[in-house]
Amino acid sequence: MILTTTLSKIGRPVTESKYYHDKRNPILNGIIQLDNILRTYSGSSKDVKLPLFQVLGFQGHIHYMYRLDSQYYVIEKVCTLEYPYNKRDTLIKATNFVVKLLVLKNLAADMEEHIHQASENKKKKH
């Protein structure tokens, strides 16, 4: 199974209020996605960490979200990556960029495994 849920848009210049406003949509979507997965997942809800990736200007922010219990969700910041935008910074930022994208890839792979496990559990119940 491939993780296919994404939400993106092109918007205004980056400000602090935009940072928090734009984070609202992925969080609300993430709550729905986590609840759907956890409905058939047999392990601890804390094990299922949904990656969230937010791009603002030349920065990307990687977070993950998990459900603490039936009413509370936790969002933890993993890292911030910066896109290389000039020749001087290209080598340093490009290397860091690739390393941090691998973090995002690993979070997505873990999430894919949890989705697969929840799907298998759902098949066993029917």
PDB file of N, CA and C in Angstrom:
ATOM      1  N   MET A   1       0.845  -1.170   0.000  1.00  0.00           N
ATOM      2  CA  MET A   1       0.000   0.000   0.000  1.00  0.00           C
ATOM      3  C   MET A   1       0.896   1.240   0.000  1.00  0.00           C
ATOM      4  N   ILE A   2       0.522   2.234  -0.758  1.00  0.00           N
ATOM      5  CA  ILE A   2       1.307   3.456  -0.853  1.00  0.00           C
ATOM      6  C   ILE A   2       0.547   4.581  -0.166  1.00  0.00           C
ATOM      7  N   LEU A   3       1.259   5.364   0.640  1.00  0.00           N
ATOM      8  CA  LEU A   3       0.667   6.509   1.315  1.00  0.00           C
ATOM      9  C   LEU A   3       0.388   7.578   0.272  1.00  0.00           C
ATOM     10  N   THR A   4      -0.890   7.923   0.070  1.00  0.00           N
ATOM     11  CA  THR A   4      -1.243   8.829  -1.022  1.00  0.00           C
ATOM     12  C   THR A   4      -1.929  10.110  -0.558  1.00  0.00           C
ATOM     13  N   THR A   5      -1.955  10.377   0.717  1.00  0.00           N
ATOM     14  CA  THR A   5      -2.634  11.558   1.211  1.00  0.00           C
ATOM     15  C   THR A   5      -1.680  12.745   1.206  1.00  0.00           C
ATOM     16  N   THR A   6      -2.029  13.780   0.459  1.00  0.00           N
ATOM     17  CA  THR A   6      -1.229  14.998   0.447  1.00  0.00           C
ATOM     18  C   THR A   6      -2.153  16.199   0.439  1.00  0.00           C
ATOM     19  N   LEU A   7      -1.636  17.301   0.901  1.00  0.00           N
ATOM     20  CA  LEU A   7      -2.377  18.548   0.889  1.00  0.00           C
ATOM     21  C   LEU A   7      -1.365  19.648   0.627  1.00  0.00           C
ATOM     22  N   SER A   8      -1.572  20.429  -0.419  1.00  0.00           N
ATOM     23  CA  SER A   8      -0.626  21.493  -0.712  1.00  0.00           C
ATOM     24  C   SER A   8      -1.354  22.669  -1.334  1.00  0.00           C
ATOM     25  N   LYS A   9      -0.720  23.842  -1.258  1.00  0.00           N
ATOM     26  CA  LYS A   9      -1.263  25.028  -1.900  1.00  0.00           C
ATOM     27  C   LYS A   9      -0.157  26.064  -2.018  1.00  0.00           C
ATOM     28  N   ILE A  10      -0.322  26.977  -2.968  1.00  0.00           N
ATOM     29  CA  ILE A  10       0.610  28.078  -3.144  1.00  0.00           C
ATOM     30  C   ILE A  10      -0.023  29.291  -2.499  1.00  0.00           C
ATOM     31  N   GLY A  11       0.755  30.027  -1.700  1.00  0.00           N
ATOM     32  CA  GLY A  11       0.131  31.106  -0.946  1.00  0.00           C
ATOM     33  C   GLY A  11       0.977  32.347  -0.812  1.00  0.00           C
ATOM     34  N   ARG A  12       0.607  33.124   0.159  1.00  0.00           N
ATOM     35  CA  ARG A  12       1.217  34.424   0.449  1.00  0.00           C
ATOM     36  C   ARG A  12       2.651  34.263   0.939  1.00  0.00           C
ATOM     37  N   PRO A  13       3.388  35.396   1.020  1.00  0.00           N
ATOM     38  CA  PRO A  13       4.735  35.348   1.616  1.00  0.00           C
ATOM     39  C   PRO A  13       4.682  34.831   3.058  1.00  0.00           C
ATOM     40  N   VAL A  14       5.786  34.258   3.501  1.00  0.00           N
ATOM     41  CA  VAL A  14       5.838  33.597   4.805  1.00  0.00           C
ATOM     42  C   VAL A  14       5.844  34.615   5.941  1.00  0.00           C
ATOM     43  N   THR A  15       4.954  34.422   6.898  1.00  0.00           N
ATOM     44  CA  THR A  15       4.924  35.185   8.145  1.00  0.00           C
ATOM     45  C   THR A  15       4.663  34.185   9.264  1.00  0.00           C
ATOM     46  N   GLU A  16       4.860  34.625  10.492  1.00  0.00           N
ATOM     47  CA  GLU A  16       4.632  33.713  11.620  1.00  0.00           C
ATOM     48  C   GLU A  16       3.177  33.257  11.668  1.00  0.00           C
ATOM     49  N   SER A  17       2.231  34.181  11.430  1.00  0.00           N
ATOM     50  CA  SER A  17       0.820  33.791  11.482  1.00  0.00           C
ATOM     51  C   SER A  17       0.489  32.816  10.345  1.00  0.00           C
ATOM     52  N   LYS A  18       1.109  32.982   9.185  1.00  0.00           N
ATOM     53  CA  LYS A  18       0.890  32.060   8.071  1.00  0.00           C
ATOM     54  C   LYS A  18       1.425  30.666   8.421  1.00  0.00           C
ATOM     55  N   TYR A  19       2.569  30.616   9.098  1.00  0.00           N
ATOM     56  CA  TYR A  19       3.158  29.339   9.511  1.00  0.00           C
ATOM     57  C   TYR A  19       2.145  28.528  10.327  1.00  0.00           C
ATOM     58  N   TYR A  20       1.520  29.149  11.310  1.00  0.00           N
ATOM     59  CA  TYR A  20       0.566  28.433  12.157  1.00  0.00           C
ATOM     60  C   TYR A  20      -0.769  28.227  11.458  1.00  0.00           C
ATOM     61  N   HIS A  21      -1.199  29.177  10.651  1.00  0.00           N
ATOM     62  CA  HIS A  21      -2.458  29.030   9.925  1.00  0.00           C
ATOM     63  C   HIS A  21      -2.378  27.878   8.925  1.00  0.00           C
ATOM     64  N   ASP A  22      -1.272  27.802   8.175  1.00  0.00           N
ATOM     65  CA  ASP A  22      -1.119  26.746   7.172  1.00  0.00           C
ATOM     66  C   ASP A  22      -0.932  25.365   7.795  1.00  0.00           C
ATOM     67  N   LYS A  23      -0.508  25.305   9.020  1.00  0.00           N
ATOM     68  CA  LYS A  23      -0.317  24.019   9.692  1.00  0.00           C
ATOM     69  C   LYS A  23      -1.666  23.414  10.103  1.00  0.00           C
ATOM     70  N   ARG A  24      -2.683  24.248  10.219  1.00  0.00           N
ATOM     71  CA  ARG A  24      -3.994  23.780  10.672  1.00  0.00           C
ATOM     72  C   ARG A  24      -4.580  22.707   9.745  1.00  0.00           C
ATOM     73  N   ASN A  25      -4.520  22.916   8.429  1.00  0.00           N
ATOM     74  CA  ASN A  25      -5.125  21.968   7.488  1.00  0.00           C
ATOM     75  C   ASN A  25      -4.480  20.585   7.540  1.00  0.00           C
ATOM     76  N   PRO A  26      -3.148  20.477   7.488  1.00  0.00           N
ATOM     77  CA  PRO A  26      -2.556  19.130   7.598  1.00  0.00           C
ATOM     78  C   PRO A  26      -2.851  18.461   8.935  1.00  0.00           C
ATOM     79  N   ILE A  27      -2.960  19.230   9.996  1.00  0.00           N
ATOM     80  CA  ILE A  27      -3.256  18.649  11.313  1.00  0.00           C
ATOM     81  C   ILE A  27      -4.666  18.085  11.334  1.00  0.00           C
ATOM     82  N   LEU A  28      -5.637  18.850  10.843  1.00  0.00           N
ATOM     83  CA  LEU A  28      -7.018  18.353  10.816  1.00  0.00           C
ATOM     84  C   LEU A  28      -7.135  17.121   9.923  1.00  0.00           C
ATOM     85  N   ASN A  29      -6.477  17.156   8.769  1.00  0.00           N
ATOM     86  CA  ASN A  29      -6.461  15.995   7.886  1.00  0.00           C
ATOM     87  C   ASN A  29      -5.758  14.812   8.560  1.00  0.00           C
ATOM     88  N   GLY A  30      -4.653  15.093   9.263  1.00  0.00           N
ATOM     89  CA  GLY A  30      -3.906  14.047   9.951  1.00  0.00           C
ATOM     90  C   GLY A  30      -4.716  13.352  11.029  1.00  0.00           C
ATOM     91  N   ILE A  31      -5.517  14.113  11.749  1.00  0.00           N
ATOM     92  CA  ILE A  31      -6.378  13.519  12.791  1.00  0.00           C
ATOM     93  C   ILE A  31      -7.324  12.497  12.165  1.00  0.00           C
ATOM     94  N   ILE A  32      -7.911  12.853  11.046  1.00  0.00           N
ATOM     95  CA  ILE A  32      -8.830  11.940  10.356  1.00  0.00           C
ATOM     96  C   ILE A  32      -8.086  10.696   9.879  1.00  0.00           C
ATOM     97  N   GLN A  33      -6.895  10.892   9.275  1.00  0.00           N
ATOM     98  CA  GLN A  33      -6.118   9.768   8.774  1.00  0.00           C
ATOM     99  C   GLN A  33      -5.691   8.828   9.911  1.00  0.00           C
ATOM    100  N   LEU A  34      -5.197   9.419  11.018  1.00  0.00           N
ATOM    101  CA  LEU A  34      -4.780   8.590  12.165  1.00  0.00           C
ATOM    102  C   LEU A  34      -5.942   7.793  12.723  1.00  0.00           C
ATOM    103  N   ASP A  35      -7.086   8.440  12.879  1.00  0.00           N
ATOM    104  CA  ASP A  35      -8.247   7.733  13.417  1.00  0.00           C
ATOM    105  C   ASP A  35      -8.652   6.571  12.521  1.00  0.00           C
ATOM    106  N   ASN A  36      -8.592   6.765  11.196  1.00  0.00           N
ATOM    107  CA  ASN A  36      -8.946   5.681  10.264  1.00  0.00           C
ATOM    108  C   ASN A  36      -7.973   4.508  10.378  1.00  0.00           C
ATOM    109  N   ILE A  37      -6.701   4.814  10.511  1.00  0.00           N
ATOM    110  CA  ILE A  37      -5.695   3.750  10.625  1.00  0.00           C
ATOM    111  C   ILE A  37      -5.814   3.038  11.965  1.00  0.00           C
ATOM    112  N   LEU A  38      -5.975   3.808  13.035  1.00  0.00           N
ATOM    113  CA  LEU A  38      -5.994   3.221  14.375  1.00  0.00           C
ATOM    114  C   LEU A  38      -7.270   2.422  14.653  1.00  0.00           C
ATOM    115  N   ARG A  39      -8.298   2.658  13.865  1.00  0.00           N
ATOM    116  CA  ARG A  39      -9.545   1.930  14.045  1.00  0.00           C
ATOM    117  C   ARG A  39      -9.324   0.424  13.902  1.00  0.00           C
ATOM    118  N   THR A  40      -8.383   0.029  13.036  1.00  0.00           N
ATOM    119  CA  THR A  40      -8.126  -1.403  12.822  1.00  0.00           C
ATOM    120  C   THR A  40      -6.710  -1.815  13.219  1.00  0.00           C
ATOM    121  N   TYR A  41      -5.943  -0.914  13.804  1.00  0.00           N
ATOM    122  CA  TYR A  41      -4.569  -1.218  14.199  1.00  0.00           C
ATOM    123  C   TYR A  41      -4.583  -1.875  15.572  1.00  0.00           C
ATOM    124  N   SER A  42      -3.808  -2.934  15.734  1.00  0.00           N
ATOM    125  CA  SER A  42      -3.870  -3.693  16.991  1.00  0.00           C
ATOM    126  C   SER A  42      -2.825  -3.265  18.019  1.00  0.00           C
ATOM    127  N   GLY A  43      -1.809  -2.495  17.610  1.00  0.00           N
ATOM    128  CA  GLY A  43      -0.752  -2.088  18.539  1.00  0.00           C
ATOM    129  C   GLY A  43      -1.104  -0.805  19.284  1.00  0.00           C
ATOM    130  N   SER A  44      -0.094  -0.224  19.906  1.00  0.00           N
ATOM    131  CA  SER A  44      -0.276   1.022  20.651  1.00  0.00           C
ATOM    132  C   SER A  44      -0.451   2.185  19.688  1.00  0.00           C
ATOM    133  N   SER A  45      -1.369   3.086  19.995  1.00  0.00           N
ATOM    134  CA  SER A  45      -1.605   4.245  19.129  1.00  0.00           C
ATOM    135  C   SER A  45      -0.390   5.156  19.071  1.00  0.00           C
ATOM    136  N   LYS A  46       0.466   5.097  20.083  1.00  0.00           N
ATOM    137  CA  LYS A  46       1.666   5.933  20.107  1.00  0.00           C
ATOM    138  C   LYS A  46       2.706   5.470  19.078  1.00  0.00           C
ATOM    139  N   ASP A  47       2.582   4.224  18.611  1.00  0.00           N
ATOM    140  CA  ASP A  47       3.537   3.696  17.638  1.00  0.00           C
ATOM    141  C   ASP A  47       3.307   4.230  16.228  1.00  0.00           C
ATOM    142  N   VAL A  48       2.095   4.660  15.933  1.00  0.00           N
ATOM    143  CA  VAL A  48       1.748   5.126  14.590  1.00  0.00           C
ATOM    144  C   VAL A  48       2.000   6.630  14.523  1.00  0.00           C
ATOM    145  N   LYS A  49       3.052   7.005  13.801  1.00  0.00           N
ATOM    146  CA  LYS A  49       3.455   8.418  13.707  1.00  0.00           C
ATOM    147  C   LYS A  49       3.251   8.891  12.275  1.00  0.00           C
ATOM    148  N   LEU A  50       2.318   9.797  12.103  1.00  0.00           N
ATOM    149  CA  LEU A  50       1.983  10.325  10.787  1.00  0.00           C
ATOM    150  C   LEU A  50       2.917  11.477  10.448  1.00  0.00           C
ATOM    151  N   PRO A  51       3.693  11.363   9.358  1.00  0.00           N
ATOM    152  CA  PRO A  51       4.588  12.467   9.002  1.00  0.00           C
ATOM    153  C   PRO A  51       3.818  13.646   8.417  1.00  0.00           C
ATOM    154  N   LEU A  52       4.217  14.836   8.794  1.00  0.00           N
ATOM    155  CA  LEU A  52       3.660  16.079   8.254  1.00  0.00           C
ATOM    156  C   LEU A  52       4.822  16.883   7.687  1.00  0.00           C
ATOM    157  N   PHE A  53       4.681  17.364   6.467  1.00  0.00           N
ATOM    158  CA  PHE A  53       5.741  18.136   5.819  1.00  0.00           C
ATOM    159  C   PHE A  53       5.138  19.457   5.360  1.00  0.00           C
ATOM    160  N   GLN A  54       5.675  20.554   5.853  1.00  0.00           N
ATOM    161  CA  GLN A  54       5.171  21.883   5.533  1.00  0.00           C
ATOM    162  C   GLN A  54       6.294  22.689   4.874  1.00  0.00           C
ATOM    163  N   VAL A  55       6.009  23.241   3.704  1.00  0.00           N
ATOM    164  CA  VAL A  55       6.985  24.047   2.983  1.00  0.00           C
ATOM    165  C   VAL A  55       6.572  25.504   3.057  1.00  0.00           C
ATOM    166  N   LEU A  56       7.504  26.343   3.504  1.00  0.00           N
ATOM    167  CA  LEU A  56       7.280  27.787   3.563  1.00  0.00           C
ATOM    168  C   LEU A  56       8.511  28.479   2.997  1.00  0.00           C
ATOM    169  N   GLY A  57       8.371  29.082   1.839  1.00  0.00           N
ATOM    170  CA  GLY A  57       9.512  29.750   1.228  1.00  0.00           C
ATOM    171  C   GLY A  57      10.587  28.739   0.879  1.00  0.00           C
ATOM    172  N   PHE A  58      11.802  28.977   1.358  1.00  0.00           N
ATOM    173  CA  PHE A  58      12.918  28.069   1.097  1.00  0.00           C
ATOM    174  C   PHE A  58      13.163  27.111   2.261  1.00  0.00           C
ATOM    175  N   GLN A  59      12.196  26.955   3.141  1.00  0.00           N
ATOM    176  CA  GLN A  59      12.330  26.035   4.267  1.00  0.00           C
ATOM    177  C   GLN A  59      11.237  24.983   4.228  1.00  0.00           C
ATOM    178  N   GLY A  60      11.593  23.798   4.695  1.00  0.00           N
ATOM    179  CA  GLY A  60      10.626  22.739   4.877  1.00  0.00           C
ATOM    180  C   GLY A  60      10.664  22.302   6.329  1.00  0.00           C
ATOM    181  N   HIS A  61       9.513  22.086   6.915  1.00  0.00           N
ATOM    182  CA  HIS A  61       9.421  21.684   8.318  1.00  0.00           C
ATOM    183  C   HIS A  61       8.822  20.283   8.377  1.00  0.00           C
ATOM    184  N   ILE A  62       9.554  19.363   8.998  1.00  0.00           N
ATOM    185  CA  ILE A  62       9.083  17.985   9.133  1.00  0.00           C
ATOM    186  C   ILE A  62       8.654  17.764  10.577  1.00  0.00           C
ATOM    187  N   HIS A  63       7.413  17.342  10.745  1.00  0.00           N
ATOM    188  CA  HIS A  63       6.844  17.001  12.052  1.00  0.00           C
ATOM    189  C   HIS A  63       6.244  15.609  11.937  1.00  0.00           C
ATOM    190  N   TYR A  64       5.941  15.019  13.058  1.00  0.00           N
ATOM    191  CA  TYR A  64       5.078  13.845  13.032  1.00  0.00           C
ATOM    192  C   TYR A  64       4.028  14.001  14.119  1.00  0.00           C
ATOM    193  N   MET A  65       2.914  13.321  13.890  1.00  0.00           N
ATOM    194  CA  MET A  65       1.787  13.415  14.805  1.00  0.00           C
ATOM    195  C   MET A  65       1.370  12.006  15.201  1.00  0.00           C
ATOM    196  N   TYR A  66       1.045  11.844  16.478  1.00  0.00           N
ATOM    197  CA  TYR A  66       0.516  10.571  16.941  1.00  0.00           C
ATOM    198  C   TYR A  66      -0.598  10.836  17.952  1.00  0.00           C
ATOM    199  N   ARG A  67      -1.406   9.806  18.190  1.00  0.00           N
ATOM    200  CA  ARG A  67      -2.512   9.950  19.139  1.00  0.00           C
ATOM    201  C   ARG A  67      -2.055   9.438  20.495  1.00  0.00           C
ATOM    202  N   LEU A  68      -2.095  10.321  21.487  1.00  0.00           N
ATOM    203  CA  LEU A  68      -1.682   9.975  22.841  1.00  0.00           C
ATOM    204  C   LEU A  68      -2.717   9.085  23.515  1.00  0.00           C
ATOM    205  N   ASP A  69      -3.969   9.459  23.398  1.00  0.00           N
ATOM    206  CA  ASP A  69      -5.090   8.636  23.860  1.00  0.00           C
ATOM    207  C   ASP A  69      -6.288   8.988  22.992  1.00  0.00           C
ATOM    208  N   SER A  70      -7.476   8.638  23.397  1.00  0.00           N
ATOM    209  CA  SER A  70      -8.638   8.826  22.531  1.00  0.00           C
ATOM    210  C   SER A  70      -8.991  10.293  22.273  1.00  0.00           C
ATOM    211  N   GLN A  71      -8.475  11.226  23.078  1.00  0.00           N
ATOM    212  CA  GLN A  71      -8.834  12.631  22.909  1.00  0.00           C
ATOM    213  C   GLN A  71      -7.668  13.551  22.583  1.00  0.00           C
ATOM    214  N   TYR A  72      -6.435  13.097  22.755  1.00  0.00           N
ATOM    215  CA  TYR A  72      -5.292  13.986  22.605  1.00  0.00           C
ATOM    216  C   TYR A  72      -4.335  13.500  21.517  1.00  0.00           C
ATOM    217  N   TYR A  73      -3.893  14.456  20.722  1.00  0.00           N
ATOM    218  CA  TYR A  73      -2.934  14.204  19.659  1.00  0.00           C
ATOM    219  C   TYR A  73      -1.683  15.017  19.953  1.00  0.00           C
ATOM    220  N   VAL A  74      -0.528  14.460  19.616  1.00  0.00           N
ATOM    221  CA  VAL A  74       0.750  15.122  19.874  1.00  0.00           C
ATOM    222  C   VAL A  74       1.442  15.370  18.539  1.00  0.00           C
ATOM    223  N   ILE A  75       1.973  16.579  18.383  1.00  0.00           N
ATOM    224  CA  ILE A  75       2.755  16.922  17.201  1.00  0.00           C
ATOM    225  C   ILE A  75       4.161  17.242  17.670  1.00  0.00           C
ATOM    226  N   GLU A  76       5.146  16.535  17.112  1.00  0.00           N
ATOM    227  CA  GLU A  76       6.539  16.768  17.486  1.00  0.00           C
ATOM    228  C   GLU A  76       7.330  17.187  16.260  1.00  0.00           C
ATOM    229  N   LYS A  77       8.167  18.199  16.444  1.00  0.00           N
ATOM    230  CA  LYS A  77       9.007  18.667  15.355  1.00  0.00           C
ATOM    231  C   LYS A  77      10.205  17.734  15.218  1.00  0.00           C
ATOM    232  N   VAL A  78      10.475  17.293  14.000  1.00  0.00           N
ATOM    233  CA  VAL A  78      11.606  16.416  13.725  1.00  0.00           C
ATOM    234  C   VAL A  78      12.801  17.256  13.295  1.00  0.00           C
ATOM    235  N   CYS A  79      12.608  18.105  12.278  1.00  0.00           N
ATOM    236  CA  CYS A  79      13.705  18.942  11.802  1.00  0.00           C
ATOM    237  C   CYS A  79      13.185  19.988  10.820  1.00  0.00           C
ATOM    238  N   THR A  80      14.046  20.933  10.520  1.00  0.00           N
ATOM    239  CA  THR A  80      13.783  21.940   9.499  1.00  0.00           C
ATOM    240  C   THR A  80      14.874  21.809   8.456  1.00  0.00           C
ATOM    241  N   LEU A  81      14.481  21.827   7.200  1.00  0.00           N
ATOM    242  CA  LEU A  81      15.483  21.774   6.149  1.00  0.00           C
ATOM    243  C   LEU A  81      15.385  23.037   5.307  1.00  0.00           C
ATOM    244  N   GLU A  82      16.509  23.453   4.771  1.00  0.00           N
ATOM    245  CA  GLU A  82      16.556  24.639   3.933  1.00  0.00           C
ATOM    246  C   GLU A  82      16.976  24.252   2.532  1.00  0.00           C
ATOM    247  N   TYR A  83      16.222  24.736   1.567  1.00  0.00           N
ATOM    248  CA  TYR A  83      16.558  24.492   0.179  1.00  0.00           C
ATOM    249  C   TYR A  83      17.757  25.357  -0.201  1.00  0.00           C
ATOM    250  N   PRO A  84      18.703  24.799  -0.921  1.00  0.00           N
ATOM    251  CA  PRO A  84      19.827  25.626  -1.379  1.00  0.00           C
ATOM    252  C   PRO A  84      19.318  26.617  -2.427  1.00  0.00           C
ATOM    253  N   TYR A  85      19.589  27.883  -2.234  1.00  0.00           N
ATOM    254  CA  TYR A  85      19.085  28.889  -3.170  1.00  0.00           C
ATOM    255  C   TYR A  85      20.174  29.793  -3.725  1.00  0.00           C
ATOM    256  N   ASN A  86      21.422  29.551  -3.389  1.00  0.00           N
ATOM    257  CA  ASN A  86      22.509  30.267  -4.049  1.00  0.00           C
ATOM    258  C   ASN A  86      23.706  29.324  -4.189  1.00  0.00           C
ATOM    259  N   LYS A  87      24.637  29.706  -5.059  1.00  0.00           N
ATOM    260  CA  LYS A  87      25.764  28.839  -5.386  1.00  0.00           C
ATOM    261  C   LYS A  87      26.640  28.527  -4.174  1.00  0.00           C
ATOM    262  N   ARG A  88      26.843  29.514  -3.314  1.00  0.00           N
ATOM    263  CA  ARG A  88      27.713  29.348  -2.149  1.00  0.00           C
ATOM    264  C   ARG A  88      27.178  28.282  -1.184  1.00  0.00           C
ATOM    265  N   ASP A  89      25.883  28.246  -0.983  1.00  0.00           N
ATOM    266  CA  ASP A  89      25.283  27.329  -0.014  1.00  0.00           C
ATOM    267  C   ASP A  89      24.902  25.965  -0.601  1.00  0.00           C
ATOM    268  N   THR A  90      25.035  25.808  -1.895  1.00  0.00           N
ATOM    269  CA  THR A  90      24.499  24.610  -2.546  1.00  0.00           C
ATOM    270  C   THR A  90      25.050  23.314  -1.970  1.00  0.00           C
ATOM    271  N   LEU A  91      26.344  23.173  -1.844  1.00  0.00           N
ATOM    272  CA  LEU A  91      26.919  21.902  -1.391  1.00  0.00           C
ATOM    273  C   LEU A  91      26.507  21.569   0.038  1.00  0.00           C
ATOM    274  N   ILE A  92      26.637  22.522   0.964  1.00  0.00           N
ATOM    275  CA  ILE A  92      26.297  22.273   2.371  1.00  0.00           C
ATOM    276  C   ILE A  92      24.808  22.018   2.536  1.00  0.00           C
ATOM    277  N   LYS A  93      23.987  22.921   1.995  1.00  0.00           N
ATOM    278  CA  LYS A  93      22.546  22.772   2.177  1.00  0.00           C
ATOM    279  C   LYS A  93      21.988  21.594   1.408  1.00  0.00           C
ATOM    280  N   ALA A  94      22.542  21.305   0.252  1.00  0.00           N
ATOM    281  CA  ALA A  94      22.049  20.159  -0.521  1.00  0.00           C
ATOM    282  C   ALA A  94      22.303  18.859   0.222  1.00  0.00           C
ATOM    283  N   THR A  95      23.463  18.716   0.844  1.00  0.00           N
ATOM    284  CA  THR A  95      23.773  17.507   1.614  1.00  0.00           C
ATOM    285  C   THR A  95      22.822  17.375   2.804  1.00  0.00           C
ATOM    286  N   ASN A  96      22.645  18.458   3.557  1.00  0.00           N
ATOM    287  CA  ASN A  96      21.709  18.434   4.686  1.00  0.00           C
ATOM    288  C   ASN A  96      20.282  18.173   4.208  1.00  0.00           C
ATOM    289  N   PHE A  97      19.928  18.743   3.085  1.00  0.00           N
ATOM    290  CA  PHE A  97      18.602  18.578   2.510  1.00  0.00           C
ATOM    291  C   PHE A  97      18.316  17.102   2.234  1.00  0.00           C
ATOM    292  N   VAL A  98      19.281  16.420   1.610  1.00  0.00           N
ATOM    293  CA  VAL A  98      19.113  15.000   1.280  1.00  0.00           C
ATOM    294  C   VAL A  98      19.005  14.161   2.552  1.00  0.00           C
ATOM    295  N   VAL A  99      19.836  14.442   3.536  1.00  0.00           N
ATOM    296  CA  VAL A  99      19.790  13.696   4.798  1.00  0.00           C
ATOM    297  C   VAL A  99      18.432  13.858   5.468  1.00  0.00           C
ATOM    298  N   LYS A 100      17.921  15.074   5.476  1.00  0.00           N
ATOM    299  CA  LYS A 100      16.628  15.319   6.139  1.00  0.00           C
ATOM    300  C   LYS A 100      15.463  14.763   5.332  1.00  0.00           C
ATOM    301  N   LEU A 101      15.598  14.719   4.019  1.00  0.00           N
ATOM    302  CA  LEU A 101      14.566  14.057   3.223  1.00  0.00           C
ATOM    303  C   LEU A 101      14.541  12.556   3.494  1.00  0.00           C
ATOM    304  N   LEU A 102      15.687  11.976   3.798  1.00  0.00           N
ATOM    305  CA  LEU A 102      15.722  10.562   4.173  1.00  0.00           C
ATOM    306  C   LEU A 102      14.976  10.316   5.482  1.00  0.00           C
ATOM    307  N   VAL A 103      15.035  11.283   6.397  1.00  0.00           N
ATOM    308  CA  VAL A 103      14.250  11.197   7.636  1.00  0.00           C
ATOM    309  C   VAL A 103      12.762  11.141   7.292  1.00  0.00           C
ATOM    310  N   LEU A 104      12.334  12.027   6.391  1.00  0.00           N
ATOM    311  CA  LEU A 104      10.934  12.036   5.962  1.00  0.00           C
ATOM    312  C   LEU A 104      10.567  10.719   5.280  1.00  0.00           C
ATOM    313  N   LYS A 105      11.457  10.198   4.457  1.00  0.00           N
ATOM    314  CA  LYS A 105      11.211   8.927   3.775  1.00  0.00           C
ATOM    315  C   LYS A 105      11.045   7.794   4.788  1.00  0.00           C
ATOM    316  N   ASN A 106      11.880   7.765   5.815  1.00  0.00           N
ATOM    317  CA  ASN A 106      11.769   6.726   6.846  1.00  0.00           C
ATOM    318  C   ASN A 106      10.467   6.833   7.623  1.00  0.00           C
ATOM    319  N   LEU A 107      10.047   8.070   7.937  1.00  0.00           N
ATOM    320  CA  LEU A 107       8.760   8.259   8.619  1.00  0.00           C
ATOM    321  C   LEU A 107       7.617   7.746   7.742  1.00  0.00           C
ATOM    322  N   ALA A 108       7.681   8.048   6.450  1.00  0.00           N
ATOM    323  CA  ALA A 108       6.636   7.590   5.528  1.00  0.00           C
ATOM    324  C   ALA A 108       6.641   6.067   5.403  1.00  0.00           C
ATOM    325  N   ALA A 109       7.830   5.459   5.378  1.00  0.00           N
ATOM    326  CA  ALA A 109       7.926   3.993   5.287  1.00  0.00           C
ATOM    327  C   ALA A 109       7.337   3.333   6.534  1.00  0.00           C
ATOM    328  N   ASP A 110       7.615   3.900   7.710  1.00  0.00           N
ATOM    329  CA  ASP A 110       7.023   3.378   8.948  1.00  0.00           C
ATOM    330  C   ASP A 110       5.502   3.488   8.905  1.00  0.00           C
ATOM    331  N   MET A 111       5.014   4.619   8.405  1.00  0.00           N
ATOM    332  CA  MET A 111       3.571   4.836   8.319  1.00  0.00           C
ATOM    333  C   MET A 111       2.952   3.840   7.348  1.00  0.00           C
ATOM    334  N   GLU A 112       3.622   3.597   6.241  1.00  0.00           N
ATOM    335  CA  GLU A 112       3.126   2.634   5.263  1.00  0.00           C
ATOM    336  C   GLU A 112       3.008   1.240   5.881  1.00  0.00           C
ATOM    337  N   GLU A 113       3.974   0.862   6.697  1.00  0.00           N
ATOM    338  CA  GLU A 113       3.930  -0.437   7.371  1.00  0.00           C
ATOM    339  C   GLU A 113       2.740  -0.516   8.332  1.00  0.00           C
ATOM    340  N   HIS A 114       2.476   0.556   9.060  1.00  0.00           N
ATOM    341  CA  HIS A 114       1.325   0.568   9.978  1.00  0.00           C
ATOM    342  C   HIS A 114       0.004   0.486   9.203  1.00  0.00           C
ATOM    343  N   ILE A 115      -0.065   1.159   8.066  1.00  0.00           N
ATOM    344  CA  ILE A 115      -1.278   1.092   7.240  1.00  0.00           C
ATOM    345  C   ILE A 115      -1.476  -0.336   6.737  1.00  0.00           C
ATOM    346  N   HIS A 116      -0.405  -0.951   6.303  1.00  0.00           N
ATOM    347  CA  HIS A 116      -0.487  -2.333   5.827  1.00  0.00           C
ATOM    348  C   HIS A 116      -0.945  -3.272   6.940  1.00  0.00           C
ATOM    349  N   GLN A 117      -0.380  -3.097   8.121  1.00  0.00           N
ATOM    350  CA  GLN A 117      -0.749  -3.938   9.255  1.00  0.00           C
ATOM    351  C   GLN A 117      -2.219  -3.734   9.629  1.00  0.00           C
ATOM    352  N   ALA A 118      -2.682  -2.482   9.612  1.00  0.00           N
ATOM    353  CA  ALA A 118      -4.093  -2.213   9.911  1.00  0.00           C
ATOM    354  C   ALA A 118      -4.998  -2.826   8.850  1.00  0.00           C
ATOM    355  N   SER A 119      -4.572  -2.790   7.598  1.00  0.00           N
ATOM    356  CA  SER A 119      -5.348  -3.382   6.503  1.00  0.00           C
ATOM    357  C   SER A 119      -5.453  -4.899   6.678  1.00  0.00           C
ATOM    358  N   GLU A 120      -4.353  -5.528   7.063  1.00  0.00           N
ATOM    359  CA  GLU A 120      -4.357  -6.983   7.302  1.00  0.00           C
ATOM    360  C   GLU A 120      -5.279  -7.341   8.461  1.00  0.00           C
ATOM    361  N   ASN A 121      -5.245  -6.515   9.532  1.00  0.00           N
ATOM    362  CA  ASN A 121      -6.125  -6.764  10.675  1.00  0.00           C
ATOM    363  C   ASN A 121      -7.597  -6.647  10.265  1.00  0.00           C
ATOM    364  N   LYS A 122      -7.883  -5.697   9.402  1.00  0.00           N
ATOM    365  CA  LYS A 122      -9.257  -5.478   8.957  1.00  0.00           C
ATOM    366  C   LYS A 122      -9.738  -6.687   8.132  1.00  0.00           C
ATOM    367  N   LYS A 123      -8.847  -7.233   7.288  1.00  0.00           N
ATOM    368  CA  LYS A 123      -9.199  -8.412   6.478  1.00  0.00           C
ATOM    369  C   LYS A 123      -9.478  -9.622   7.359  1.00  0.00           C
ATOM    370  N   LYS A 124      -8.709  -9.779   8.454  1.00  0.00           N
ATOM    371  CA  LYS A 124      -8.890 -10.916   9.355  1.00  0.00           C
ATOM    372  C   LYS A 124     -10.228 -10.844  10.079  1.00  0.00           C
ATOM    373  N   LYS A 125     -10.711  -9.629  10.349  1.00  0.00           N
ATOM    374  CA  LYS A 125     -11.981  -9.477  11.065  1.00  0.00           C
ATOM    375  C   LYS A 125     -13.171  -9.814  10.202  1.00  0.00           C
ATOM    376  N   HIS A 126     -13.010  -9.700   8.866  1.00  0.00           N
ATOM    377  CA  HIS A 126     -14.134  -9.974   7.965  1.00  0.00           C
ATOM    378  C   HIS A 126     -14.084 -11.355   7.520  1.00  0.00           C
TER     379      HIS A 126
END
